[in-house]
Amino acid sequence: MLRWIASRGARGLGVGGGAHPAVGLCHPGRSSSSRSSDAPRNQPPSSEFVARTVGVCSMMRLPVQASPEGLDAAFVGVPLDIGTSNRPGARFGPRRIREESVMLRTVNPSTGALPFQSLMVADLGDVNVNLYNLQDSCRLIREAYQKIVTAGCIPLTLGGDHTITYPILQAMAKKHGPVGLLHVDAHMDTADTALGEKLYHGSPFRRCVDEGLLDCKRVVQIGIRGSAMTLDPFRYSRSQGFRVVPAEDCWMKSLVPLMGEVRQQMGGKPIYISFDIDSLDPAYAPGTGTPEIAGLTPSQALEIIRGCQGLNVVGCDLVEVSPPYDPFGNTALVAANLLFEMLCALPKVTVV
C-alpha cells in the first residue's frame, strides 16, 4: 500500500533538480535544469491520492527547491514585518498562506489557464531576513532576488510587509530596467519619512522613484482610500505620472473595463504586480496591519489579476497578511488564491 501511495504521489508531484516532494516522498529523476521540453514538470499532488494534511508546508504542496535554476517561476516567502507602522504579524504571513494553499488545485477553469502544464514551478522557501535590521534585510532580499531573476525565474512573493517590494524592484530593475507597476492597495505607499526614517512599509514606491526603478508613465495604483493628512493625498503620485484609481471609483462595478485601459497603458514592456491584501475590504481580509473600510471585493481582485493575462509580467507579490488578526484563516486563504491567479496570468502559461 505504501509503495502504491508513493508511486501515485510522485507522479502527481513531478521531478525537479535538487527538489524534494512536499509530501516527503523522494523520487529520483532528471535534473530540472537539463530537462527537455517534454520532460515532466512539477505538479501539486491530487487530494485523490495524498491527503491535504500530509507533507511539508510548501505553497500548493509543491516541491521545495534550494536553487532557482531550471525553474520558470517560483513561490518565495519573505517573512519580514519590522517595517510595519501599526499592527505587526506579517512575518508569519508566508507560512500561513502556504497552510491555506492546500485547497488549491492545478488548473483554472474560469480562465482556462494550465500553469503546471506550461511552467516548471517550485517553492524556494524563505529569504533569511534580519529581523533586527531593516536596511540589512533589504540587502538580503535584493541579493536573493537578483539570483532568482538572473536564473530566468519569475518570483511570486509571499509577504511580509510592503517594505519588501522596494528591494525586489531593485533586483527587477537591474535586469529589466525601469518596470511598469500595477499596485493594488488601500494606501499610496509613497510617503517620504516616518519617525525620521526613509524606509518603512509606507515608503517603498517613493524610494523606487528616487532610484529610477519605475517606468512612471506605466504605474497604476488601484483601491486607494481612507483618511489622510492632506486634502490631496494623490498629489505626489500624480506629479510623477502615476494613474491613481481611488476605491470610490471602483464601488459597485466590474473592473474589467478599467483593466482594458490598464492593459493598453502597460503595453508589452515588463510589468510588476504588487498586491497589498489591505486593498480588500476588511470584511473579506481582516488579517492585516492597517485595514481601511470600504475596499475592494475578492471578485474585483480576480478581475484585476486576470486582466493582466497576456502582459509581460516579470514578478508579483502579495503582502501584508497578518495571521494574528486572521483567526479563521480567511485572509490567508484569499491571499493563496490570488497568488495562484498571479501564476495563471504569467507569460507562457497555456490558456485553452
Protein backbone atom coordinates (compact mmCIF):
# COMPACT_ATOMS: atom_id res chain seq x y z
CA MET A 1 0.00 0.00 0.00
CA LEU A 2 2.77 2.47 0.90
CA ARG A 3 4.54 1.68 -2.36
CA TRP A 4 1.32 2.46 -4.29
CA ILE A 5 0.86 5.78 -2.49
CA ALA A 6 4.48 6.71 -3.18
CA SER A 7 4.16 5.98 -6.87
CA ARG A 8 0.92 7.93 -7.24
CA GLY A 9 2.19 10.83 -5.12
CA ALA A 10 5.46 11.08 -7.03
CA ARG A 11 3.59 11.02 -10.31
CA GLY A 12 1.48 13.97 -9.19
CA LEU A 13 4.44 15.89 -7.80
CA GLY A 14 6.77 15.58 -10.75
CA VAL A 15 10.55 15.80 -10.54
CA GLY A 16 12.80 18.83 -10.08
CA GLY A 17 16.58 19.10 -9.89
CA GLY A 18 17.54 19.41 -6.23
CA ALA A 19 13.85 19.45 -5.33
CA HIS A 20 12.13 17.48 -2.62
CA PRO A 21 8.49 16.46 -2.97
CA ALA A 22 6.45 18.36 -0.43
CA VAL A 23 4.89 15.20 0.96
CA GLY A 24 8.34 13.83 1.75
CA LEU A 25 8.26 11.10 -0.90
CA CYS A 26 11.66 11.10 -2.62
CA HIS A 27 11.66 10.12 -6.27
CA PRO A 28 14.87 10.05 -8.36
CA GLY A 29 14.82 11.55 -11.80
CA ARG A 30 16.21 14.00 -14.31
CA SER A 31 17.58 17.38 -13.20
CA SER A 32 15.14 20.20 -13.96
CA SER A 33 17.96 22.39 -15.27
CA SER A 34 18.60 19.96 -18.12
CA ARG A 35 15.03 18.89 -18.84
CA SER A 36 13.72 18.67 -22.37
CA SER A 37 10.53 20.43 -23.38
CA ASP A 38 8.53 17.21 -22.97
CA ALA A 39 10.05 16.27 -19.60
CA PRO A 40 7.64 16.03 -16.66
CA ARG A 41 7.02 19.21 -14.69
CA ASN A 42 6.27 19.63 -11.01
CA GLN A 43 2.60 19.17 -10.16
CA PRO A 44 0.81 19.77 -6.86
CA PRO A 45 -0.37 16.37 -5.58
CA SER A 46 -4.01 15.49 -6.03
CA SER A 47 -6.08 15.08 -2.87
CA GLU A 48 -7.42 11.90 -4.51
CA PHE A 49 -4.12 10.24 -3.69
CA VAL A 50 -2.40 12.35 -1.00
CA ALA A 51 -4.34 13.74 1.97
CA ARG A 52 -4.25 17.52 2.29
CA THR A 53 -2.90 17.27 5.83
CA VAL A 54 0.12 15.23 4.71
CA GLY A 55 3.51 16.70 3.94
CA VAL A 56 5.89 19.62 4.36
CA CYS A 57 4.17 23.03 4.39
CA SER A 58 5.02 24.41 0.95
CA MET A 59 2.98 26.55 -1.42
CA MET A 60 0.38 24.25 -3.00
CA ARG A 61 2.48 21.34 -1.63
CA LEU A 62 4.92 21.85 -4.49
CA PRO A 63 8.49 20.55 -4.20
CA VAL A 64 10.80 22.72 -2.13
CA GLN A 65 13.92 23.63 -4.07
CA ALA A 66 17.03 25.48 -2.88
CA SER A 67 18.03 26.91 -6.26
CA PRO A 68 16.00 28.75 -8.93
CA GLU A 69 17.97 27.02 -11.68
CA GLY A 70 15.69 25.18 -14.09
CA LEU A 71 12.54 26.91 -12.85
CA ASP A 72 10.24 29.12 -14.90
CA ALA A 73 8.51 30.52 -11.82
CA ALA A 74 8.76 30.06 -8.07
CA PHE A 75 6.95 30.97 -4.89
CA VAL A 76 9.22 32.75 -2.40
CA GLY A 77 8.47 33.78 1.18
CA VAL A 78 9.79 36.99 2.76
CA PRO A 79 8.80 36.80 6.46
CA LEU A 80 9.54 40.41 7.41
CA ASP A 81 7.40 42.89 9.36
CA ILE A 82 9.82 45.30 11.05
CA GLY A 83 8.82 47.99 8.54
CA THR A 84 5.25 47.93 9.86
CA SER A 85 3.71 51.14 11.24
CA ASN A 86 0.71 49.66 13.05
CA ARG A 87 -0.21 46.05 13.86
CA PRO A 88 2.67 43.55 13.46
CA GLY A 89 2.47 39.91 12.41
CA ALA A 90 3.15 39.90 8.66
CA ARG A 91 6.35 37.93 9.34
CA PHE A 92 4.03 34.95 9.82
CA GLY A 93 2.20 35.61 6.54
CA PRO A 94 4.19 33.31 4.23
CA ARG A 95 3.74 30.30 6.49
CA ARG A 96 0.00 30.85 6.93
CA ILE A 97 -0.57 31.42 3.21
CA ARG A 98 1.21 28.15 2.49
CA GLU A 99 -1.03 26.37 5.01
CA GLU A 100 -4.18 27.64 3.32
CA SER A 101 -2.85 26.85 -0.17
CA VAL A 102 -3.60 23.13 0.33
CA MET A 103 -7.08 23.92 -1.01
CA LEU A 104 -5.72 24.96 -4.41
CA ARG A 105 -5.72 22.67 -7.43
CA THR A 106 -3.76 22.59 -10.67
CA VAL A 107 -5.92 24.27 -13.33
CA ASN A 108 -8.05 27.41 -13.57
CA PRO A 109 -11.38 26.56 -15.24
CA SER A 110 -12.51 30.20 -15.15
CA THR A 111 -9.63 31.43 -17.32
CA GLY A 112 -8.58 28.19 -18.99
CA ALA A 113 -5.04 28.57 -17.63
CA LEU A 114 -2.87 25.45 -17.25
CA PRO A 115 0.11 26.77 -15.27
CA PHE A 116 1.62 23.47 -14.21
CA GLN A 117 1.43 22.04 -17.71
CA SER A 118 3.20 25.14 -19.03
CA LEU A 119 5.85 26.06 -16.45
CA MET A 120 8.28 24.36 -14.10
CA VAL A 121 7.29 25.71 -10.69
CA ALA A 122 8.58 25.08 -7.17
CA ASP A 123 8.68 26.69 -3.73
CA LEU A 124 12.06 28.28 -3.00
CA GLY A 125 11.34 28.64 0.70
CA ASP A 126 12.01 31.89 2.57
CA VAL A 127 14.60 34.64 2.32
CA ASN A 128 16.64 34.64 5.53
CA VAL A 129 15.89 38.20 6.64
CA ASN A 130 17.46 40.08 9.56
CA LEU A 131 14.64 40.89 11.98
CA TYR A 132 16.87 43.33 13.87
CA ASN A 133 17.93 45.48 10.92
CA LEU A 134 15.60 46.67 8.15
CA GLN A 135 18.37 48.00 5.93
CA ASP A 136 20.24 44.71 6.13
CA SER A 137 17.03 42.80 5.43
CA CYS A 138 16.58 44.82 2.26
CA ARG A 139 20.12 43.92 1.22
CA LEU A 140 19.44 40.22 1.82
CA ILE A 141 16.18 40.38 -0.15
CA ARG A 142 17.79 42.26 -3.05
CA GLU A 143 20.65 39.75 -3.29
CA ALA A 144 18.30 36.76 -3.13
CA TYR A 145 16.07 38.14 -5.88
CA GLN A 146 18.99 39.04 -8.10
CA LYS A 147 19.88 35.34 -8.13
CA ILE A 148 16.29 34.38 -8.89
CA VAL A 149 15.80 36.76 -11.82
CA THR A 150 19.28 36.08 -13.20
CA ALA A 151 18.28 32.41 -13.44
CA GLY A 152 15.31 33.40 -15.62
CA CYS A 153 12.82 32.51 -12.90
CA ILE A 154 9.75 34.69 -12.24
CA PRO A 155 9.22 35.16 -8.48
CA LEU A 156 5.80 35.14 -6.85
CA THR A 157 6.35 36.50 -3.37
CA LEU A 158 4.51 35.74 -0.15
CA GLY A 159 4.96 38.70 2.22
CA GLY A 160 5.87 40.14 4.63
CA ASP A 161 5.11 43.85 4.93
CA HIS A 162 5.21 46.16 1.92
CA THR A 163 8.79 47.30 2.57
CA ILE A 164 9.92 44.12 0.79
CA THR A 165 8.75 45.35 -2.62
CA TYR A 166 11.49 48.01 -2.68
CA PRO A 167 14.50 45.62 -2.71
CA ILE A 168 12.62 43.24 -5.00
CA LEU A 169 12.15 46.04 -7.52
CA GLN A 170 15.83 46.91 -7.19
CA ALA A 171 16.58 43.38 -8.42
CA MET A 172 13.93 43.60 -11.14
CA ALA A 173 15.23 46.91 -12.49
CA LYS A 174 18.79 45.61 -12.56
CA LYS A 175 17.69 43.01 -15.10
CA HIS A 176 14.80 44.68 -16.92
CA GLY A 177 15.44 48.38 -16.46
CA PRO A 178 12.61 50.56 -15.10
CA VAL A 179 9.44 48.46 -14.93
CA GLY A 180 5.75 49.22 -15.05
CA LEU A 181 3.86 48.67 -11.82
CA LEU A 182 0.34 47.57 -11.04
CA HIS A 183 -0.05 48.48 -7.36
CA VAL A 184 -3.27 47.35 -5.65
CA ASP A 185 -3.54 48.80 -2.16
CA ALA A 186 -5.55 50.90 0.27
CA HIS A 187 -2.55 53.20 0.68
CA MET A 188 -0.24 55.09 -1.67
CA ASP A 189 2.98 53.87 0.00
CA THR A 190 4.75 56.95 -1.36
CA ALA A 191 5.48 58.72 1.94
CA ASP A 192 8.93 60.22 2.32
CA THR A 193 9.69 59.68 6.02
CA ALA A 194 8.14 58.46 9.27
CA LEU A 195 9.74 59.00 12.67
CA GLY A 196 12.75 60.29 10.79
CA GLU A 197 13.19 57.06 8.80
CA LYS A 198 13.03 56.92 5.00
CA LEU A 199 12.50 53.17 4.79
CA TYR A 200 9.32 51.51 6.04
CA HIS A 201 6.20 49.95 4.57
CA GLY A 202 4.68 53.33 3.75
CA SER A 203 7.59 54.48 1.57
CA PRO A 204 8.67 51.72 -0.86
CA PHE A 205 7.45 53.37 -4.05
CA ARG A 206 8.88 56.78 -3.09
CA ARG A 207 12.27 55.07 -2.76
CA CYS A 208 11.71 53.31 -6.09
CA VAL A 209 11.03 56.64 -7.80
CA ASP A 210 14.13 58.15 -6.16
CA GLU A 211 16.27 55.39 -7.69
CA GLY A 212 14.62 55.31 -11.12
CA LEU A 213 13.31 51.78 -10.71
CA LEU A 214 9.85 52.52 -12.14
CA ASP A 215 8.60 53.49 -15.58
CA CYS A 216 6.37 56.15 -14.03
CA LYS A 217 4.12 56.53 -17.07
CA ARG A 218 3.21 52.86 -16.61
CA VAL A 219 2.35 52.89 -12.90
CA VAL A 220 -1.27 52.35 -11.84
CA GLN A 221 -2.47 52.40 -8.23
CA ILE A 222 -5.91 50.88 -7.58
CA GLY A 223 -8.07 50.81 -4.45
CA ILE A 224 -6.65 53.82 -2.59
CA ARG A 225 -8.88 55.09 0.20
CA GLY A 226 -9.14 56.21 3.80
CA SER A 227 -8.42 59.34 5.78
CA ALA A 228 -5.27 61.35 5.09
CA MET A 229 -3.14 64.20 6.37
CA THR A 230 -3.96 66.47 3.43
CA LEU A 231 -6.92 67.06 1.12
CA ASP A 232 -4.86 65.96 -1.88
CA PRO A 233 -3.15 62.70 -0.86
CA PHE A 234 -2.70 61.72 -4.52
CA ARG A 235 -0.58 64.76 -5.34
CA TYR A 236 2.84 63.10 -5.25
CA SER A 237 1.80 60.05 -7.27
CA ARG A 238 0.10 62.08 -9.95
CA SER A 239 3.02 64.51 -10.12
CA GLN A 240 5.20 61.52 -11.06
CA GLY A 241 2.81 60.42 -13.80
CA PHE A 242 1.10 57.59 -11.89
CA ARG A 243 -2.53 56.81 -12.59
CA VAL A 244 -4.45 56.69 -9.30
CA VAL A 245 -7.80 54.89 -9.10
CA PRO A 246 -9.46 55.59 -5.72
CA ALA A 247 -11.61 52.88 -4.19
CA GLU A 248 -14.67 55.09 -4.63
CA ASP A 249 -14.22 54.80 -8.39
CA CYS A 250 -14.40 51.01 -8.04
CA TRP A 251 -17.51 50.71 -5.87
CA MET A 252 -20.40 48.61 -7.19
CA LYS A 253 -18.91 47.94 -10.61
CA SER A 254 -16.88 45.50 -12.62
CA LEU A 255 -13.22 46.40 -13.08
CA VAL A 256 -12.92 44.63 -16.45
CA PRO A 257 -13.22 47.94 -18.39
CA LEU A 258 -10.58 49.53 -16.15
CA MET A 259 -8.20 46.66 -16.77
CA GLY A 260 -8.70 47.04 -20.51
CA GLU A 261 -7.34 50.58 -20.16
CA VAL A 262 -4.50 49.37 -17.92
CA ARG A 263 -3.51 46.75 -20.50
CA GLN A 264 -3.21 49.42 -23.17
CA GLN A 265 -1.15 51.61 -20.85
CA MET A 266 1.25 48.80 -19.91
CA GLY A 267 1.82 47.55 -23.45
CA GLY A 268 4.36 44.79 -23.98
CA LYS A 269 7.07 46.08 -21.65
CA PRO A 270 7.90 44.44 -18.29
CA ILE A 271 5.36 44.93 -15.52
CA TYR A 272 5.46 44.02 -11.84
CA ILE A 273 2.31 43.33 -9.77
CA SER A 274 2.32 44.35 -6.11
CA PHE A 275 -0.86 43.42 -4.27
CA ASP A 276 -1.43 44.55 -0.69
CA ILE A 277 -4.15 42.44 0.94
CA ASP A 278 -5.49 45.57 2.67
CA SER A 279 -6.78 46.68 -0.73
CA LEU A 280 -9.66 44.33 0.03
CA ASP A 281 -12.40 45.38 2.40
CA PRO A 282 -11.66 44.12 5.94
CA ALA A 283 -14.92 42.18 5.81
CA TYR A 284 -13.07 39.83 3.43
CA ALA A 285 -9.49 40.29 4.66
CA PRO A 286 -9.38 41.34 8.32
CA GLY A 287 -5.93 39.86 8.93
CA THR A 288 -3.76 42.82 8.02
CA GLY A 289 -1.87 45.58 9.79
CA THR A 290 -3.60 48.74 8.53
CA PRO A 291 -7.17 47.91 7.48
CA GLU A 292 -9.38 50.52 5.81
CA ILE A 293 -13.15 50.24 5.36
CA ALA A 294 -14.99 50.26 2.02
CA GLY A 295 -12.40 48.41 -0.01
CA LEU A 296 -12.38 46.10 -2.99
CA THR A 297 -14.15 42.75 -3.13
CA PRO A 298 -12.45 39.40 -3.86
CA SER A 299 -14.23 39.25 -7.22
CA GLN A 300 -12.79 42.65 -8.15
CA ALA A 301 -9.34 41.38 -7.12
CA LEU A 302 -9.78 38.48 -9.52
CA GLU A 303 -10.81 40.86 -12.30
CA ILE A 304 -7.65 42.90 -11.73
CA ILE A 305 -5.27 39.94 -11.76
CA ARG A 306 -7.00 38.13 -14.60
CA GLY A 307 -6.88 41.39 -16.53
CA CYS A 308 -3.08 41.06 -16.56
CA GLN A 309 -3.16 37.85 -18.57
CA GLY A 310 -1.03 38.31 -21.67
CA LEU A 311 1.02 41.17 -20.24
CA ASN A 312 4.77 40.85 -19.76
CA VAL A 313 4.60 40.13 -16.03
CA VAL A 314 8.12 39.70 -14.62
CA GLY A 315 7.22 39.30 -10.94
CA CYS A 316 4.43 39.54 -8.38
CA ASP A 317 3.96 39.88 -4.66
CA LEU A 318 1.13 39.52 -2.15
CA VAL A 319 1.92 41.37 1.06
CA GLU A 320 0.66 42.45 4.49
CA VAL A 321 -1.15 39.27 5.57
CA SER A 322 -1.00 39.29 9.40
CA PRO A 323 -2.16 35.93 10.81
CA PRO A 324 -2.58 37.12 14.43
CA TYR A 325 -5.53 39.20 13.17
CA ASP A 326 -6.85 36.42 10.93
CA PRO A 327 -8.24 33.86 13.42
CA PHE A 328 -10.12 31.75 10.88
CA GLY A 329 -7.56 31.94 8.07
CA ASN A 330 -9.89 33.79 5.67
CA THR A 331 -7.31 36.43 4.77
CA ALA A 332 -4.59 33.86 4.10
CA LEU A 333 -6.99 31.76 2.03
CA VAL A 334 -7.81 34.76 -0.17
CA ALA A 335 -4.08 35.52 -0.45
CA ALA A 336 -3.24 31.96 -1.52
CA ASN A 337 -5.92 32.07 -4.22
CA LEU A 338 -4.71 35.44 -5.51
CA LEU A 339 -1.14 34.12 -5.76
CA PHE A 340 -2.44 31.17 -7.78
CA GLU A 341 -4.26 33.63 -10.07
CA MET A 342 -0.99 35.55 -10.50
CA LEU A 343 0.73 32.32 -11.50
CA CYS A 344 -2.02 31.70 -14.05
CA ALA A 345 -1.51 35.18 -15.53
CA LEU A 346 2.22 34.76 -16.21
CA PRO A 347 3.62 34.77 -19.73
CA LYS A 348 3.92 31.38 -21.44
CA VAL A 349 1.06 29.87 -19.43
CA THR A 350 -1.11 27.88 -21.83
CA VAL A 351 -4.72 29.03 -21.96
CA VAL A 352 -7.35 26.77 -23.52
